[in-house]
Amino acid sequence: GIYLHLPDGRLIAITREKIKAFARRFEANLDQIPAHLRKAVEFQACSICPERDRALFCHALPPTLAFVDELAGVKSFHNVTAVFRGPEPTLVVAPNTTMQEALQFVAAMSLMNHCEVGKKYWKYFVGVHPLQDPDTLSARVYLNIFWECQGNRAAVQEKLESFTEEITSTSICQVNRLRLIVNDDALINAYASVQSQVVCLAMRGGDQVLRSFEKHLERA
């Protein structure tokens, strides 16, 4: 998970366990969302969702709503110290980042692990953590796609285009849902950041891989 240390001394722990527990409570009591919001067009499943005729709510929503109360009043530009703890022995500290950047962890998890459309793309984020700089993150995602397509550049480009189109669609839907429920912009802008990185990835092709190598050589 990712642990956010705010300047006012608060600690917000964003973990998979908390998300799973909230999702169970949320599904058992949908009445916590007012009926007029649940009936709103924006609240319904995306048009491309394979579960749109069966799901009572978007499955990508609970990972986001799980932390809405704790994030109340927090703006996207607020500085925060973020600590990411992944599979052992991954431990990354970002002593001075913004809430928008740190909350990309929530947005990416929602879109790639819980969204019925985005689930098929989770493998592209293997080896990626949310505190990586954009060039390194994009390079790793590209290499994961490149490996899956066995180096076929045409297949890579086709996969990038479908990936971009679907993640853009689901991100927009999720942002519209959040605007019904939350007043603060940190989570909303985190989704915008993830979506923009995916778009840049498709536009730049493999350029970010070369840039990542060049940065590594400069530091060596």
C-alpha atoms as a PDB file:
ATOM      1  CA  GLY A   1       0.000   0.000   0.000  1.00  0.00           C
ATOM      2  CA  ILE A   2       0.913   3.663   0.092  1.00  0.00           C
ATOM      3  CA  TYR A   3       1.181   5.695   3.270  1.00  0.00           C
ATOM      4  CA  LEU A   4       0.699   9.458   3.140  1.00  0.00           C
ATOM      5  CA  HIS A   5       2.205  11.669   5.847  1.00  0.00           C
ATOM      6  CA  LEU A   6       0.495  15.067   5.747  1.00  0.00           C
ATOM      7  CA  PRO A   7       2.103  18.276   7.054  1.00  0.00           C
ATOM      8  CA  ASP A   8      -0.551  18.506   9.802  1.00  0.00           C
ATOM      9  CA  GLY A   9       0.657  15.196  11.254  1.00  0.00           C
ATOM     10  CA  ARG A  10      -2.096  12.971   9.841  1.00  0.00           C
ATOM     11  CA  LEU A  11      -1.241   9.583   8.389  1.00  0.00           C
ATOM     12  CA  ILE A  12      -3.471   8.139   5.673  1.00  0.00           C
ATOM     13  CA  ALA A  13      -2.833   4.465   4.984  1.00  0.00           C
ATOM     14  CA  ILE A  14      -4.109   3.336   1.588  1.00  0.00           C
ATOM     15  CA  THR A  15      -3.929  -0.449   1.513  1.00  0.00           C
ATOM     16  CA  ARG A  16      -5.555  -3.282  -0.402  1.00  0.00           C
ATOM     17  CA  GLU A  17      -6.941  -4.687   2.855  1.00  0.00           C
ATOM     18  CA  LYS A  18      -8.814  -1.457   3.623  1.00  0.00           C
ATOM     19  CA  ILE A  19     -10.189  -1.368   0.084  1.00  0.00           C
ATOM     20  CA  LYS A  20     -11.454  -4.961   0.285  1.00  0.00           C
ATOM     21  CA  ALA A  21     -13.121  -4.328   3.650  1.00  0.00           C
ATOM     22  CA  PHE A  22     -14.790  -1.140   2.389  1.00  0.00           C
ATOM     23  CA  ALA A  23     -15.962  -2.851  -0.819  1.00  0.00           C
ATOM     24  CA  ARG A  24     -17.757  -5.518   1.228  1.00  0.00           C
ATOM     25  CA  ARG A  25     -19.482  -2.879   3.382  1.00  0.00           C
ATOM     26  CA  PHE A  26     -20.323  -0.758   0.357  1.00  0.00           C
ATOM     27  CA  GLU A  27     -21.966  -3.618  -1.542  1.00  0.00           C
ATOM     28  CA  ALA A  28     -23.956  -4.613   1.540  1.00  0.00           C
ATOM     29  CA  ASN A  29     -25.315  -1.089   2.008  1.00  0.00           C
ATOM     30  CA  LEU A  30     -25.709   0.840  -1.226  1.00  0.00           C
ATOM     31  CA  ASP A  31     -28.158   3.149   0.548  1.00  0.00           C
ATOM     32  CA  GLN A  32     -25.186   5.132   1.840  1.00  0.00           C
ATOM     33  CA  ILE A  33     -25.209   6.708  -1.625  1.00  0.00           C
ATOM     34  CA  PRO A  34     -28.410   8.809  -2.006  1.00  0.00           C
ATOM     35  CA  ALA A  35     -30.963   7.305  -4.407  1.00  0.00           C
ATOM     36  CA  HIS A  36     -30.935  10.324  -6.735  1.00  0.00           C
ATOM     37  CA  LEU A  37     -27.162   9.922  -7.196  1.00  0.00           C
ATOM     38  CA  ARG A  38     -27.395   6.176  -7.800  1.00  0.00           C
ATOM     39  CA  LYS A  39     -29.958   6.857 -10.532  1.00  0.00           C
ATOM     40  CA  ALA A  40     -27.834   9.519 -12.221  1.00  0.00           C
ATOM     41  CA  VAL A  41     -26.500   8.666 -15.668  1.00  0.00           C
ATOM     42  CA  GLU A  42     -22.940   9.328 -14.521  1.00  0.00           C
ATOM     43  CA  PHE A  43     -23.247   6.779 -11.718  1.00  0.00           C
ATOM     44  CA  GLN A  44     -24.098   3.895 -14.048  1.00  0.00           C
ATOM     45  CA  ALA A  45     -21.564   1.446 -15.431  1.00  0.00           C
ATOM     46  CA  CYS A  46     -19.590   2.565 -18.489  1.00  0.00           C
ATOM     47  CA  SER A  47     -21.057   1.859 -21.902  1.00  0.00           C
ATOM     48  CA  ILE A  48     -18.116  -0.476 -22.652  1.00  0.00           C
ATOM     49  CA  CYS A  49     -18.379  -2.372 -19.349  1.00  0.00           C
ATOM     50  CA  PRO A  50     -19.125  -6.097 -19.848  1.00  0.00           C
ATOM     51  CA  GLU A  51     -21.113  -6.026 -16.565  1.00  0.00           C
ATOM     52  CA  ARG A  52     -23.194  -2.939 -17.394  1.00  0.00           C
ATOM     53  CA  ASP A  53     -26.491  -4.880 -17.544  1.00  0.00           C
ATOM     54  CA  ARG A  54     -25.870  -6.757 -14.280  1.00  0.00           C
ATOM     55  CA  ALA A  55     -23.717  -4.655 -11.964  1.00  0.00           C
ATOM     56  CA  LEU A  56     -25.464  -2.552  -9.323  1.00  0.00           C
ATOM     57  CA  PHE A  57     -22.518  -0.151  -9.309  1.00  0.00           C
ATOM     58  CA  CYS A  58     -19.153   0.341 -10.991  1.00  0.00           C
ATOM     59  CA  HIS A  59     -16.699  -2.108  -9.429  1.00  0.00           C
ATOM     60  CA  ALA A  60     -13.922   0.475  -9.712  1.00  0.00           C
ATOM     61  CA  LEU A  61     -15.776   2.837  -7.375  1.00  0.00           C
ATOM     62  CA  PRO A  62     -15.125   1.311  -3.885  1.00  0.00           C
ATOM     63  CA  PRO A  63     -11.304   1.635  -4.086  1.00  0.00           C
ATOM     64  CA  THR A  64     -11.812   5.360  -4.539  1.00  0.00           C
ATOM     65  CA  LEU A  65     -14.641   5.936  -2.073  1.00  0.00           C
ATOM     66  CA  ALA A  66     -12.792   4.016   0.650  1.00  0.00           C
ATOM     67  CA  PHE A  67     -10.658   7.090   1.373  1.00  0.00           C
ATOM     68  CA  VAL A  68     -12.976   9.979   0.544  1.00  0.00           C
ATOM     69  CA  ASP A  69     -13.626  10.895   4.189  1.00  0.00           C
ATOM     70  CA  GLU A  70      -9.944  10.835   5.115  1.00  0.00           C
ATOM     71  CA  LEU A  71      -9.087  12.990   2.100  1.00  0.00           C
ATOM     72  CA  ALA A  72     -11.738  15.621   2.794  1.00  0.00           C
ATOM     73  CA  GLY A  73     -10.268  19.089   2.454  1.00  0.00           C
ATOM     74  CA  VAL A  74      -7.066  17.848   0.836  1.00  0.00           C
ATOM     75  CA  LYS A  75      -6.191  19.547  -2.447  1.00  0.00           C
ATOM     76  CA  SER A  76      -4.272  18.046  -5.342  1.00  0.00           C
ATOM     77  CA  PHE A  77      -1.394  20.531  -4.959  1.00  0.00           C
ATOM     78  CA  HIS A  78      -0.849  19.908  -1.232  1.00  0.00           C
ATOM     79  CA  ASN A  79       2.597  18.545  -0.426  1.00  0.00           C
ATOM     80  CA  VAL A  80       2.878  15.169   1.254  1.00  0.00           C
ATOM     81  CA  THR A  81       5.510  12.602   2.152  1.00  0.00           C
ATOM     82  CA  ALA A  82       4.564   9.322   0.507  1.00  0.00           C
ATOM     83  CA  VAL A  83       5.889   5.879   1.407  1.00  0.00           C
ATOM     84  CA  PHE A  84       5.094   2.994  -0.924  1.00  0.00           C
ATOM     85  CA  ARG A  85       5.398  -0.545   0.339  1.00  0.00           C
ATOM     86  CA  GLY A  86       5.114  -3.175  -2.357  1.00  0.00           C
ATOM     87  CA  PRO A  87       6.091  -6.843  -2.577  1.00  0.00           C
ATOM     88  CA  GLU A  88       9.193  -7.514  -0.473  1.00  0.00           C
ATOM     89  CA  PRO A  89      11.663  -5.924  -0.513  1.00  0.00           C
ATOM     90  CA  THR A  90      10.082  -2.909  -2.279  1.00  0.00           C
ATOM     91  CA  LEU A  91      10.044   0.224  -0.129  1.00  0.00           C
ATOM     92  CA  VAL A  92      10.050   3.643  -1.776  1.00  0.00           C
ATOM     93  CA  VAL A  93       9.955   7.045  -0.080  1.00  0.00           C
ATOM     94  CA  ALA A  94       9.031  10.304  -1.816  1.00  0.00           C
ATOM     95  CA  PRO A  95       9.737  13.035   0.764  1.00  0.00           C
ATOM     96  CA  ASN A  96       8.196  15.855  -1.238  1.00  0.00           C
ATOM     97  CA  THR A  97       5.448  15.006  -3.681  1.00  0.00           C
ATOM     98  CA  THR A  98       1.881  16.201  -4.229  1.00  0.00           C
ATOM     99  CA  MET A  99      -1.373  14.526  -3.300  1.00  0.00           C
ATOM    100  CA  GLN A 100      -2.285  14.304  -6.981  1.00  0.00           C
ATOM    101  CA  GLU A 101       0.880  12.355  -7.751  1.00  0.00           C
ATOM    102  CA  ALA A 102       0.630  10.120  -4.685  1.00  0.00           C
ATOM    103  CA  LEU A 103      -3.035   9.283  -5.300  1.00  0.00           C
ATOM    104  CA  GLN A 104      -2.245   7.912  -8.737  1.00  0.00           C
ATOM    105  CA  PHE A 105      -1.811   4.655  -6.791  1.00  0.00           C
ATOM    106  CA  VAL A 106      -5.544   4.690  -6.004  1.00  0.00           C
ATOM    107  CA  ALA A 107      -6.541   5.650  -9.541  1.00  0.00           C
ATOM    108  CA  ALA A 108      -4.345   3.015 -11.193  1.00  0.00           C
ATOM    109  CA  MET A 109      -5.473   0.299  -8.766  1.00  0.00           C
ATOM    110  CA  SER A 110      -9.104   1.212  -9.385  1.00  0.00           C
ATOM    111  CA  LEU A 111      -8.715   1.188 -13.179  1.00  0.00           C
ATOM    112  CA  MET A 112      -6.422  -1.841 -13.562  1.00  0.00           C
ATOM    113  CA  ASN A 113      -7.471  -4.158 -10.724  1.00  0.00           C
ATOM    114  CA  HIS A 114     -11.162  -3.478 -10.128  1.00  0.00           C
ATOM    115  CA  CYS A 115     -12.597  -2.023 -13.351  1.00  0.00           C
ATOM    116  CA  GLU A 116     -14.133  -4.822 -15.449  1.00  0.00           C
ATOM    117  CA  VAL A 117     -12.646  -3.290 -18.596  1.00  0.00           C
ATOM    118  CA  GLY A 118      -9.232  -2.422 -17.196  1.00  0.00           C
ATOM    119  CA  LYS A 119      -8.604  -5.792 -15.505  1.00  0.00           C
ATOM    120  CA  LYS A 120      -7.131  -7.218 -18.661  1.00  0.00           C
ATOM    121  CA  TYR A 121      -4.364  -4.592 -18.549  1.00  0.00           C
ATOM    122  CA  TRP A 122      -3.077  -5.261 -15.019  1.00  0.00           C
ATOM    123  CA  LYS A 123      -0.090  -7.205 -16.355  1.00  0.00           C
ATOM    124  CA  TYR A 124       1.270  -4.073 -18.041  1.00  0.00           C
ATOM    125  CA  PHE A 125       1.868  -2.570 -14.597  1.00  0.00           C
ATOM    126  CA  VAL A 126       3.988  -5.413 -13.227  1.00  0.00           C
ATOM    127  CA  GLY A 127       7.174  -3.901 -11.812  1.00  0.00           C
ATOM    128  CA  VAL A 128       5.650  -0.431 -11.675  1.00  0.00           C
ATOM    129  CA  HIS A 129       5.139   1.581  -8.509  1.00  0.00           C
ATOM    130  CA  PRO A 130       3.185   4.850  -8.211  1.00  0.00           C
ATOM    131  CA  LEU A 131       6.121   7.005  -7.113  1.00  0.00           C
ATOM    132  CA  GLN A 132       8.207   6.377 -10.227  1.00  0.00           C
ATOM    133  CA  ASP A 133       8.901   9.357 -12.440  1.00  0.00           C
ATOM    134  CA  PRO A 134       6.684   9.419 -15.570  1.00  0.00           C
ATOM    135  CA  ASP A 135       9.455   8.456 -18.004  1.00  0.00           C
ATOM    136  CA  THR A 136      10.525   5.393 -15.993  1.00  0.00           C
ATOM    137  CA  LEU A 137       6.941   4.321 -15.409  1.00  0.00           C
ATOM    138  CA  SER A 138       6.033   4.680 -19.090  1.00  0.00           C
ATOM    139  CA  ALA A 139       9.165   2.811 -20.151  1.00  0.00           C
ATOM    140  CA  ARG A 140       8.325  -0.158 -17.921  1.00  0.00           C
ATOM    141  CA  VAL A 141       4.710  -0.304 -19.114  1.00  0.00           C
ATOM    142  CA  TYR A 142       5.878  -0.144 -22.728  1.00  0.00           C
ATOM    143  CA  LEU A 143       8.407  -2.939 -22.195  1.00  0.00           C
ATOM    144  CA  ASN A 144       5.715  -5.114 -20.583  1.00  0.00           C
ATOM    145  CA  ILE A 145       3.503  -4.625 -23.637  1.00  0.00           C
ATOM    146  CA  PHE A 146       6.480  -5.192 -25.937  1.00  0.00           C
ATOM    147  CA  TRP A 147       7.208  -8.499 -24.184  1.00  0.00           C
ATOM    148  CA  GLU A 148       3.576  -9.653 -24.406  1.00  0.00           C
ATOM    149  CA  CYS A 149       3.552  -8.890 -28.140  1.00  0.00           C
ATOM    150  CA  GLN A 150       6.902 -10.712 -28.566  1.00  0.00           C
ATOM    151  CA  GLY A 151       8.542  -7.661 -30.084  1.00  0.00           C
ATOM    152  CA  ASN A 152       6.029  -7.205 -32.884  1.00  0.00           C
ATOM    153  CA  ARG A 153       5.963  -3.415 -33.232  1.00  0.00           C
ATOM    154  CA  ALA A 154       2.681  -3.383 -35.164  1.00  0.00           C
ATOM    155  CA  ALA A 155       1.013  -5.501 -32.475  1.00  0.00           C
ATOM    156  CA  VAL A 156       2.471  -3.234 -29.777  1.00  0.00           C
ATOM    157  CA  GLN A 157       1.023  -0.155 -31.435  1.00  0.00           C
ATOM    158  CA  GLU A 158      -2.379  -1.815 -31.854  1.00  0.00           C
ATOM    159  CA  LYS A 159      -2.365  -2.814 -28.181  1.00  0.00           C
ATOM    160  CA  LEU A 160      -1.355   0.690 -27.125  1.00  0.00           C
ATOM    161  CA  GLU A 161      -4.208   2.204 -29.120  1.00  0.00           C
ATOM    162  CA  SER A 162      -6.865  -0.075 -27.624  1.00  0.00           C
ATOM    163  CA  PHE A 163      -5.371   0.388 -24.151  1.00  0.00           C
ATOM    164  CA  THR A 164      -5.478   4.160 -24.512  1.00  0.00           C
ATOM    165  CA  GLU A 165      -8.999   4.245 -25.911  1.00  0.00           C
ATOM    166  CA  GLU A 166     -10.483   2.071 -23.171  1.00  0.00           C
ATOM    167  CA  ILE A 167      -8.610   3.603 -20.227  1.00  0.00           C
ATOM    168  CA  THR A 168      -9.529   7.086 -21.458  1.00  0.00           C
ATOM    169  CA  SER A 169     -13.188   6.061 -21.600  1.00  0.00           C
ATOM    170  CA  THR A 170     -13.206   4.460 -18.132  1.00  0.00           C
ATOM    171  CA  SER A 171     -11.216   7.333 -16.591  1.00  0.00           C
ATOM    172  CA  ILE A 172     -13.700   9.905 -17.875  1.00  0.00           C
ATOM    173  CA  CYS A 173     -16.613   7.851 -16.523  1.00  0.00           C
ATOM    174  CA  GLN A 174     -14.952   7.503 -13.137  1.00  0.00           C
ATOM    175  CA  VAL A 175     -14.195  11.221 -12.903  1.00  0.00           C
ATOM    176  CA  ASN A 176     -17.832  12.010 -13.710  1.00  0.00           C
ATOM    177  CA  ARG A 177     -18.960   9.637 -10.928  1.00  0.00           C
ATOM    178  CA  LEU A 178     -16.600  11.195  -8.420  1.00  0.00           C
ATOM    179  CA  ARG A 179     -17.876  14.674  -9.207  1.00  0.00           C
ATOM    180  CA  LEU A 180     -21.294  13.510  -8.024  1.00  0.00           C
ATOM    181  CA  ILE A 181     -19.904  12.494  -4.647  1.00  0.00           C
ATOM    182  CA  VAL A 182     -16.760  14.428  -3.702  1.00  0.00           C
ATOM    183  CA  ASN A 183     -15.972  18.124  -3.537  1.00  0.00           C
ATOM    184  CA  ASP A 184     -12.177  17.950  -3.439  1.00  0.00           C
ATOM    185  CA  ASP A 185     -10.025  17.635  -6.529  1.00  0.00           C
ATOM    186  CA  ALA A 186      -7.130  15.393  -5.429  1.00  0.00           C
ATOM    187  CA  LEU A 187      -8.682  12.067  -6.463  1.00  0.00           C
ATOM    188  CA  ILE A 188     -10.220  13.523  -9.607  1.00  0.00           C
ATOM    189  CA  ASN A 189      -6.888  14.950 -10.760  1.00  0.00           C
ATOM    190  CA  ALA A 190      -5.140  11.672  -9.927  1.00  0.00           C
ATOM    191  CA  TYR A 191      -7.346   9.938 -12.499  1.00  0.00           C
ATOM    192  CA  ALA A 192      -6.543  12.674 -15.001  1.00  0.00           C
ATOM    193  CA  SER A 193      -2.826  12.092 -14.390  1.00  0.00           C
ATOM    194  CA  VAL A 194      -3.054   8.341 -14.987  1.00  0.00           C
ATOM    195  CA  GLN A 195      -5.132   8.838 -18.130  1.00  0.00           C
ATOM    196  CA  SER A 196      -2.742  11.477 -19.516  1.00  0.00           C
ATOM    197  CA  GLN A 197       0.257   9.192 -18.934  1.00  0.00           C
ATOM    198  CA  VAL A 198      -1.459   6.411 -20.871  1.00  0.00           C
ATOM    199  CA  VAL A 199      -2.195   8.807 -23.742  1.00  0.00           C
ATOM    200  CA  CYS A 200       1.422  10.014 -23.804  1.00  0.00           C
ATOM    201  CA  LEU A 201       2.615   6.411 -23.789  1.00  0.00           C
ATOM    202  CA  ALA A 202       0.656   5.682 -26.959  1.00  0.00           C
ATOM    203  CA  MET A 203       1.736   8.901 -28.666  1.00  0.00           C
ATOM    204  CA  ARG A 204       5.430   8.457 -27.917  1.00  0.00           C
ATOM    205  CA  GLY A 205       5.693   4.767 -28.704  1.00  0.00           C
ATOM    206  CA  GLY A 206       9.072   3.504 -27.530  1.00  0.00           C
ATOM    207  CA  ASP A 207      10.707   6.928 -27.192  1.00  0.00           C
ATOM    208  CA  GLN A 208      10.346   6.878 -23.415  1.00  0.00           C
ATOM    209  CA  VAL A 209      12.381   3.637 -23.253  1.00  0.00           C
ATOM    210  CA  LEU A 210      15.321   5.352 -24.948  1.00  0.00           C
ATOM    211  CA  ARG A 211      14.956   8.372 -22.657  1.00  0.00           C
ATOM    212  CA  SER A 212      14.940   6.086 -19.614  1.00  0.00           C
ATOM    213  CA  PHE A 213      18.168   4.441 -20.773  1.00  0.00           C
ATOM    214  CA  GLU A 214      19.766   7.856 -21.401  1.00  0.00           C
ATOM    215  CA  LYS A 215      18.856   9.019 -17.885  1.00  0.00           C
ATOM    216  CA  HIS A 216      20.361   5.861 -16.412  1.00  0.00           C
ATOM    217  CA  LEU A 217      23.602   6.413 -18.325  1.00  0.00           C
ATOM    218  CA  GLU A 218      23.762  10.036 -17.171  1.00  0.00           C
ATOM    219  CA  ARG A 219      23.513   8.928 -13.534  1.00  0.00           C
ATOM    220  CA  ALA A 220      26.026   6.100 -13.958  1.00  0.00           C
END
